[in-house]
PDB file of N, CA and C in Angstrom:
ATOM      1  N   UNK A   1      23.947  -3.499  23.749  1.00  0.00           N
ATOM      2  CA  UNK A   1      22.760  -2.697  23.897  1.00  0.00           C
ATOM      3  C   UNK A   1      22.709  -2.200  25.332  1.00  0.00           C
ATOM      4  N   UNK A   2      22.394  -0.919  25.498  1.00  0.00           N
ATOM      5  CA  UNK A   2      22.295  -0.328  26.832  1.00  0.00           C
ATOM      6  C   UNK A   2      20.951  -0.646  27.457  1.00  0.00           C
ATOM      7  N   UNK A   3      20.899  -0.537  28.765  1.00  0.00           N
ATOM      8  CA  UNK A   3      19.672  -0.782  29.506  1.00  0.00           C
ATOM      9  C   UNK A   3      19.187   0.521  30.110  1.00  0.00           C
ATOM     10  N   UNK A   4      17.870   0.712  30.095  1.00  0.00           N
ATOM     11  CA  UNK A   4      17.261   1.880  30.705  1.00  0.00           C
ATOM     12  C   UNK A   4      16.044   1.417  31.482  1.00  0.00           C
ATOM     13  N   UNK A   5      15.958   1.826  32.701  1.00  0.00           N
ATOM     14  CA  UNK A   5      14.795   1.493  33.515  1.00  0.00           C
ATOM     15  C   UNK A   5      13.857   2.692  33.530  1.00  0.00           C
ATOM     16  N   UNK A   6      12.561   2.441  33.348  1.00  0.00           N
ATOM     17  CA  UNK A   6      11.585   3.519  33.399  1.00  0.00           C
ATOM     18  C   UNK A   6      10.493   3.156  34.392  1.00  0.00           C
ATOM     19  N   UNK A   7       9.904   4.175  34.967  1.00  0.00           N
ATOM     20  CA  UNK A   7       8.791   3.972  35.893  1.00  0.00           C
ATOM     21  C   UNK A   7       7.507   4.396  35.192  1.00  0.00           C
ATOM     22  N   UNK A   8       6.486   3.560  35.301  1.00  0.00           N
ATOM     23  CA  UNK A   8       5.197   3.844  34.688  1.00  0.00           C
ATOM     24  C   UNK A   8       4.098   3.738  35.721  1.00  0.00           C
ATOM     25  N   UNK A   9       3.088   4.572  35.617  1.00  0.00           N
ATOM     26  CA  UNK A   9       1.912   4.362  36.455  1.00  0.00           C
ATOM     27  C   UNK A   9       1.284   3.011  36.105  1.00  0.00           C
ATOM     28  N   UNK A  10       0.531   2.459  37.015  1.00  0.00           N
ATOM     29  CA  UNK A  10      -0.069   1.140  36.802  1.00  0.00           C
ATOM     30  C   UNK A  10      -0.883   1.067  35.515  1.00  0.00           C
ATOM     31  N   UNK A  11      -1.624   2.120  35.210  1.00  0.00           N
ATOM     32  CA  UNK A  11      -2.467   2.105  34.006  1.00  0.00           C
ATOM     33  C   UNK A  11      -1.624   1.986  32.738  1.00  0.00           C
ATOM     34  N   UNK A  12      -0.502   2.705  32.685  1.00  0.00           N
ATOM     35  CA  UNK A  12       0.362   2.613  31.497  1.00  0.00           C
ATOM     36  C   UNK A  12       1.067   1.264  31.424  1.00  0.00           C
ATOM     37  N   UNK A  13       1.504   0.744  32.550  1.00  0.00           N
ATOM     38  CA  UNK A  13       2.133  -0.581  32.555  1.00  0.00           C
ATOM     39  C   UNK A  13       1.152  -1.637  32.066  1.00  0.00           C
ATOM     40  N   UNK A  14      -0.094  -1.551  32.511  1.00  0.00           N
ATOM     41  CA  UNK A  14      -1.120  -2.496  32.057  1.00  0.00           C
ATOM     42  C   UNK A  14      -1.325  -2.389  30.556  1.00  0.00           C
ATOM     43  N   UNK A  15      -1.320  -1.164  30.064  1.00  0.00           N
ATOM     44  CA  UNK A  15      -1.489  -0.967  28.624  1.00  0.00           C
ATOM     45  C   UNK A  15      -0.346  -1.619  27.849  1.00  0.00           C
ATOM     46  N   UNK A  16       0.874  -1.388  28.283  1.00  0.00           N
ATOM     47  CA  UNK A  16       2.035  -1.994  27.617  1.00  0.00           C
ATOM     48  C   UNK A  16       1.949  -3.514  27.703  1.00  0.00           C
ATOM     49  N   UNK A  17       1.610  -4.024  28.862  1.00  0.00           N
ATOM     50  CA  UNK A  17       1.466  -5.482  29.021  1.00  0.00           C
ATOM     51  C   UNK A  17       0.407  -6.041  28.074  1.00  0.00           C
ATOM     52  N   UNK A  18      -0.695  -5.315  27.895  1.00  0.00           N
ATOM     53  CA  UNK A  18      -1.748  -5.747  26.974  1.00  0.00           C
ATOM     54  C   UNK A  18      -1.250  -5.777  25.531  1.00  0.00           C
ATOM     55  N   UNK A  19      -0.415  -4.800  25.169  1.00  0.00           N
ATOM     56  CA  UNK A  19       0.134  -4.774  23.808  1.00  0.00           C
ATOM     57  C   UNK A  19       1.017  -6.004  23.565  1.00  0.00           C
ATOM     58  N   UNK A  20       1.808  -6.348  24.553  1.00  0.00           N
ATOM     59  CA  UNK A  20       2.688  -7.526  24.439  1.00  0.00           C
ATOM     60  C   UNK A  20       1.843  -8.796  24.419  1.00  0.00           C
ATOM     61  N   UNK A  21       0.858  -8.863  25.294  1.00  0.00           N
ATOM     62  CA  UNK A  21       0.004 -10.062  25.365  1.00  0.00           C
ATOM     63  C   UNK A  21      -0.790 -10.248  24.082  1.00  0.00           C
ATOM     64  N   UNK A  22      -1.073  -9.150  23.394  1.00  0.00           N
ATOM     65  CA  UNK A  22      -1.812  -9.237  22.129  1.00  0.00           C
ATOM     66  C   UNK A  22      -1.017  -9.883  21.010  1.00  0.00           C
ATOM     67  N   UNK A  23       0.264 -10.079  21.229  1.00  0.00           N
ATOM     68  CA  UNK A  23       1.081 -10.808  20.263  1.00  0.00           C
ATOM     69  C   UNK A  23       1.811  -9.950  19.249  1.00  0.00           C
ATOM     70  N   UNK A  24       1.576  -8.650  19.248  1.00  0.00           N
ATOM     71  CA  UNK A  24       2.248  -7.798  18.270  1.00  0.00           C
ATOM     72  C   UNK A  24       3.722  -7.576  18.619  1.00  0.00           C
ATOM     73  N   UNK A  25       4.045  -7.709  19.910  1.00  0.00           N
ATOM     74  CA  UNK A  25       5.410  -7.492  20.379  1.00  0.00           C
ATOM     75  C   UNK A  25       5.798  -8.638  21.296  1.00  0.00           C
ATOM     76  N   UNK A  26       7.068  -9.001  21.258  1.00  0.00           N
ATOM     77  CA  UNK A  26       7.531 -10.102  22.092  1.00  0.00           C
ATOM     78  C   UNK A  26       7.788  -9.685  23.528  1.00  0.00           C
ATOM     79  N   UNK A  27       8.212  -8.426  23.709  1.00  0.00           N
ATOM     80  CA  UNK A  27       8.522  -7.925  25.048  1.00  0.00           C
ATOM     81  C   UNK A  27       8.095  -6.470  25.152  1.00  0.00           C
ATOM     82  N   UNK A  28       8.027  -5.989  26.363  1.00  0.00           N
ATOM     83  CA  UNK A  28       7.706  -4.573  26.568  1.00  0.00           C
ATOM     84  C   UNK A  28       8.809  -3.692  25.980  1.00  0.00           C
ATOM     85  N   UNK A  29      10.045  -4.166  25.997  1.00  0.00           N
ATOM     86  CA  UNK A  29      11.152  -3.401  25.404  1.00  0.00           C
ATOM     87  C   UNK A  29      10.953  -3.222  23.906  1.00  0.00           C
ATOM     88  N   UNK A  30      10.498  -4.266  23.213  1.00  0.00           N
ATOM     89  CA  UNK A  30      10.226  -4.147  21.778  1.00  0.00           C
ATOM     90  C   UNK A  30       9.155  -3.097  21.523  1.00  0.00           C
ATOM     91  N   UNK A  31       8.130  -3.085  22.358  1.00  0.00           N
ATOM     92  CA  UNK A  31       7.049  -2.118  22.202  1.00  0.00           C
ATOM     93  C   UNK A  31       7.571  -0.691  22.389  1.00  0.00           C
ATOM     94  N   UNK A  32       8.354  -0.466  23.420  1.00  0.00           N
ATOM     95  CA  UNK A  32       8.883   0.870  23.688  1.00  0.00           C
ATOM     96  C   UNK A  32       9.843   1.292  22.577  1.00  0.00           C
ATOM     97  N   UNK A  33      10.677   0.373  22.097  1.00  0.00           N
ATOM     98  CA  UNK A  33      11.585   0.703  20.988  1.00  0.00           C
ATOM     99  C   UNK A  33      10.796   1.132  19.758  1.00  0.00           C
ATOM    100  N   UNK A  34       9.715   0.431  19.471  1.00  0.00           N
ATOM    101  CA  UNK A  34       8.883   0.782  18.314  1.00  0.00           C
ATOM    102  C   UNK A  34       8.271   2.172  18.486  1.00  0.00           C
ATOM    103  N   UNK A  35       7.814   2.491  19.685  1.00  0.00           N
ATOM    104  CA  UNK A  35       7.263   3.821  19.940  1.00  0.00           C
ATOM    105  C   UNK A  35       8.318   4.908  19.721  1.00  0.00           C
ATOM    106  N   UNK A  36       9.534   4.643  20.168  1.00  0.00           N
ATOM    107  CA  UNK A  36      10.619   5.615  19.994  1.00  0.00           C
ATOM    108  C   UNK A  36      10.934   5.790  18.513  1.00  0.00           C
ATOM    109  N   UNK A  37      10.993   4.685  17.762  1.00  0.00           N
ATOM    110  CA  UNK A  37      11.256   4.783  16.313  1.00  0.00           C
ATOM    111  C   UNK A  37      10.159   5.590  15.616  1.00  0.00           C
ATOM    112  N   UNK A  38       8.920   5.337  16.002  1.00  0.00           N
ATOM    113  CA  UNK A  38       7.808   6.075  15.399  1.00  0.00           C
ATOM    114  C   UNK A  38       7.903   7.570  15.720  1.00  0.00           C
ATOM    115  N   UNK A  39       8.319   7.905  16.928  1.00  0.00           N
ATOM    116  CA  UNK A  39       8.474   9.307  17.298  1.00  0.00           C
ATOM    117  C   UNK A  39       9.631   9.936  16.527  1.00  0.00           C
ATOM    118  N   UNK A  40      10.706   9.194  16.322  1.00  0.00           N
ATOM    119  CA  UNK A  40      11.817   9.704  15.512  1.00  0.00           C
ATOM    120  C   UNK A  40      11.334  10.004  14.093  1.00  0.00           C
ATOM    121  N   UNK A  41      10.569   9.083  13.517  1.00  0.00           N
ATOM    122  CA  UNK A  41      10.031   9.295  12.168  1.00  0.00           C
ATOM    123  C   UNK A  41       9.127  10.517  12.134  1.00  0.00           C
ATOM    124  N   UNK A  42       8.298  10.689  13.160  1.00  0.00           N
ATOM    125  CA  UNK A  42       7.393  11.824  13.228  1.00  0.00           C
ATOM    126  C   UNK A  42       8.177  13.129  13.285  1.00  0.00           C
ATOM    127  N   UNK A  43       9.239  13.151  14.078  1.00  0.00           N
ATOM    128  CA  UNK A  43      10.053  14.355  14.192  1.00  0.00           C
ATOM    129  C   UNK A  43      10.776  14.675  12.879  1.00  0.00           C
ATOM    130  N   UNK A  44      11.273  13.643  12.192  1.00  0.00           N
ATOM    131  CA  UNK A  44      11.913  13.858  10.883  1.00  0.00           C
ATOM    132  C   UNK A  44      10.916  14.436   9.888  1.00  0.00           C
ATOM    133  N   UNK A  45       9.714  13.868   9.865  1.00  0.00           N
ATOM    134  CA  UNK A  45       8.677  14.364   8.958  1.00  0.00           C
ATOM    135  C   UNK A  45       8.331  15.805   9.279  1.00  0.00           C
ATOM    136  N   UNK A  46       8.203  16.129  10.555  1.00  0.00           N
ATOM    137  CA  UNK A  46       7.893  17.511  10.965  1.00  0.00           C
ATOM    138  C   UNK A  46       8.969  18.474  10.460  1.00  0.00           C
ATOM    139  N   UNK A  47      10.248  18.091  10.621  1.00  0.00           N
ATOM    140  CA  UNK A  47      11.345  18.945  10.149  1.00  0.00           C
ATOM    141  C   UNK A  47      11.270  19.139   8.633  1.00  0.00           C
ATOM    142  N   UNK A  48      10.980  18.068   7.907  1.00  0.00           N
ATOM    143  CA  UNK A  48      10.867  18.181   6.449  1.00  0.00           C
ATOM    144  C   UNK A  48       9.703  19.077   6.047  1.00  0.00           C
ATOM    145  N   UNK A  49       8.578  18.926   6.730  1.00  0.00           N
ATOM    146  CA  UNK A  49       7.417  19.763   6.425  1.00  0.00           C
ATOM    147  C   UNK A  49       7.701  21.231   6.725  1.00  0.00           C
ATOM    148  N   UNK A  50       8.355  21.508   7.844  1.00  0.00           N
ATOM    149  CA  UNK A  50       8.693  22.890   8.180  1.00  0.00           C
ATOM    150  C   UNK A  50       9.691  23.471   7.187  1.00  0.00           C
ATOM    151  N   UNK A  51      10.673  22.658   6.786  1.00  0.00           N
ATOM    152  CA  UNK A  51      11.637  23.126   5.789  1.00  0.00           C
ATOM    153  C   UNK A  51      10.936  23.425   4.470  1.00  0.00           C
ATOM    154  N   UNK A  52       9.998  22.586   4.085  1.00  0.00           N
ATOM    155  CA  UNK A  52       9.250  22.823   2.854  1.00  0.00           C
ATOM    156  C   UNK A  52       8.397  24.070   2.944  1.00  0.00           C
ATOM    157  N   UNK A  53       7.785  24.298   4.094  1.00  0.00           N
ATOM    158  CA  UNK A  53       6.940  25.474   4.276  1.00  0.00           C
ATOM    159  C   UNK A  53       7.765  26.757   4.245  1.00  0.00           C
ATOM    160  N   UNK A  54       9.018  26.677   4.682  1.00  0.00           N
ATOM    161  CA  UNK A  54       9.886  27.850   4.703  1.00  0.00           C
ATOM    162  C   UNK A  54      10.622  28.078   3.386  1.00  0.00           C
ATOM    163  N   UNK A  55      10.579  27.128   2.479  1.00  0.00           N
ATOM    164  CA  UNK A  55      11.300  27.257   1.218  1.00  0.00           C
ATOM    165  C   UNK A  55      10.515  28.141   0.246  1.00  0.00           C
ATOM    166  N   UNK A  56      11.236  28.718  -0.707  1.00  0.00           N
ATOM    167  CA  UNK A  56      10.538  29.561  -1.696  1.00  0.00           C
ATOM    168  C   UNK A  56       9.638  28.704  -2.587  1.00  0.00           C
ATOM    169  N   UNK A  57       8.618  29.318  -3.150  1.00  0.00           N
ATOM    170  CA  UNK A  57       7.712  28.560  -4.023  1.00  0.00           C
ATOM    171  C   UNK A  57       8.454  27.995  -5.231  1.00  0.00           C
ATOM    172  N   UNK A  58       8.016  26.833  -5.662  1.00  0.00           N
ATOM    173  CA  UNK A  58       8.597  26.209  -6.849  1.00  0.00           C
ATOM    174  C   UNK A  58       7.810  26.580  -8.089  1.00  0.00           C
ATOM    175  N   UNK A  59       8.049  25.844  -9.136  1.00  0.00           N
ATOM    176  CA  UNK A  59       7.337  26.088 -10.393  1.00  0.00           C
ATOM    177  C   UNK A  59       5.861  25.720 -10.222  1.00  0.00           C
ATOM    178  N   UNK A  60       4.986  26.407 -10.946  1.00  0.00           N
ATOM    179  CA  UNK A  60       3.558  26.079 -10.831  1.00  0.00           C
ATOM    180  C   UNK A  60       3.272  24.664 -11.333  1.00  0.00           C
ATOM    181  N   UNK A  61       2.311  24.044 -10.719  1.00  0.00           N
ATOM    182  CA  UNK A  61       1.886  22.705 -11.126  1.00  0.00           C
ATOM    183  C   UNK A  61       0.592  22.877 -11.903  1.00  0.00           C
ATOM    184  N   UNK A  62       0.702  22.669 -13.214  1.00  0.00           N
ATOM    185  CA  UNK A  62      -0.458  22.842 -14.080  1.00  0.00           C
ATOM    186  C   UNK A  62      -0.544  21.666 -15.044  1.00  0.00           C
ATOM    187  N   UNK A  63      -1.411  21.757 -16.023  1.00  0.00           N
ATOM    188  CA  UNK A  63      -1.580  20.638 -16.965  1.00  0.00           C
ATOM    189  C   UNK A  63      -0.297  20.346 -17.738  1.00  0.00           C
ATOM    190  N   UNK A  64       0.473  21.370 -18.065  1.00  0.00           N
ATOM    191  CA  UNK A  64       1.743  21.137 -18.761  1.00  0.00           C
ATOM    192  C   UNK A  64       2.709  20.347 -17.884  1.00  0.00           C
ATOM    193  N   UNK A  65       2.741  20.657 -16.599  1.00  0.00           N
ATOM    194  CA  UNK A  65       3.610  19.943 -15.667  1.00  0.00           C
ATOM    195  C   UNK A  65       3.257  18.453 -15.655  1.00  0.00           C
ATOM    196  N   UNK A  66       1.948  18.157 -15.543  1.00  0.00           N
ATOM    197  CA  UNK A  66       1.527  16.755 -15.482  1.00  0.00           C
ATOM    198  C   UNK A  66       1.732  16.045 -16.815  1.00  0.00           C
ATOM    199  N   UNK A  67       1.567  16.742 -17.921  1.00  0.00           N
ATOM    200  CA  UNK A  67       1.811  16.137 -19.231  1.00  0.00           C
ATOM    201  C   UNK A  67       3.283  15.754 -19.353  1.00  0.00           C
ATOM    202  N   UNK A  68       4.170  16.650 -18.922  1.00  0.00           N
ATOM    203  CA  UNK A  68       5.600  16.348 -18.962  1.00  0.00           C
ATOM    204  C   UNK A  68       5.945  15.199 -18.023  1.00  0.00           C
ATOM    205  N   UNK A  69       5.329  15.188 -16.863  1.00  0.00           N
ATOM    206  CA  UNK A  69       5.574  14.115 -15.907  1.00  0.00           C
ATOM    207  C   UNK A  69       5.143  12.765 -16.471  1.00  0.00           C
ATOM    208  N   UNK A  70       3.958  12.725 -17.101  1.00  0.00           N
ATOM    209  CA  UNK A  70       3.485  11.477 -17.729  1.00  0.00           C
ATOM    210  C   UNK A  70       4.433  11.025 -18.835  1.00  0.00           C
ATOM    211  N   UNK A  71       4.894  11.972 -19.624  1.00  0.00           N
ATOM    212  CA  UNK A  71       5.800  11.639 -20.730  1.00  0.00           C
ATOM    213  C   UNK A  71       7.112  11.058 -20.206  1.00  0.00           C
ATOM    214  N   UNK A  72       7.669  11.681 -19.177  1.00  0.00           N
ATOM    215  CA  UNK A  72       8.919  11.170 -18.595  1.00  0.00           C
ATOM    216  C   UNK A  72       8.707   9.794 -17.961  1.00  0.00           C
ATOM    217  N   UNK A  73       7.598   9.605 -17.291  1.00  0.00           N
ATOM    218  CA  UNK A  73       7.311   8.306 -16.651  1.00  0.00           C
ATOM    219  C   UNK A  73       7.154   7.215 -17.703  1.00  0.00           C
ATOM    220  N   UNK A  74       6.464   7.530 -18.773  1.00  0.00           N
ATOM    221  CA  UNK A  74       6.284   6.558 -19.857  1.00  0.00           C
ATOM    222  C   UNK A  74       7.623   6.222 -20.502  1.00  0.00           C
ATOM    223  N   UNK A  75       8.434   7.240 -20.716  1.00  0.00           N
ATOM    224  CA  UNK A  75       9.755   7.031 -21.326  1.00  0.00           C
ATOM    225  C   UNK A  75      10.635   6.172 -20.403  1.00  0.00           C
ATOM    226  N   UNK A  76      10.603   6.433 -19.108  1.00  0.00           N
ATOM    227  CA  UNK A  76      11.408   5.658 -18.157  1.00  0.00           C
ATOM    228  C   UNK A  76      10.907   4.223 -18.043  1.00  0.00           C
ATOM    229  N   UNK A  77       9.605   4.027 -18.147  1.00  0.00           N
ATOM    230  CA  UNK A  77       9.043   2.673 -18.052  1.00  0.00           C
ATOM    231  C   UNK A  77       9.475   1.820 -19.239  1.00  0.00           C
ATOM    232  N   UNK A  78       9.631   2.440 -20.387  1.00  0.00           N
ATOM    233  CA  UNK A  78      10.036   1.713 -21.596  1.00  0.00           C
ATOM    234  C   UNK A  78      11.534   1.413 -21.601  1.00  0.00           C
ATOM    235  N   UNK A  79      12.291   2.200 -20.855  1.00  0.00           N
ATOM    236  CA  UNK A  79      13.761   2.043 -20.853  1.00  0.00           C
ATOM    237  C   UNK A  79      14.204   0.849 -20.046  1.00  0.00           C
TER     238      UNK A  79
END
């Protein structure tokens, strides 16, 4: 695992220390890693949402669509 040193203002360092002291994280590194993972997830979701917004419209979602969906779900549950 690589090491990275970061500089934080006192207020942010205190905040990170409070998060660790609260017991949710064992170290400040664990807390920062979790924040980075959450940001990665957020960026992936943003890309998916933008791709969906740019895609052509799909089939309409109406009562027939939901009836077919229920039928397929029921059939799969029995299988």
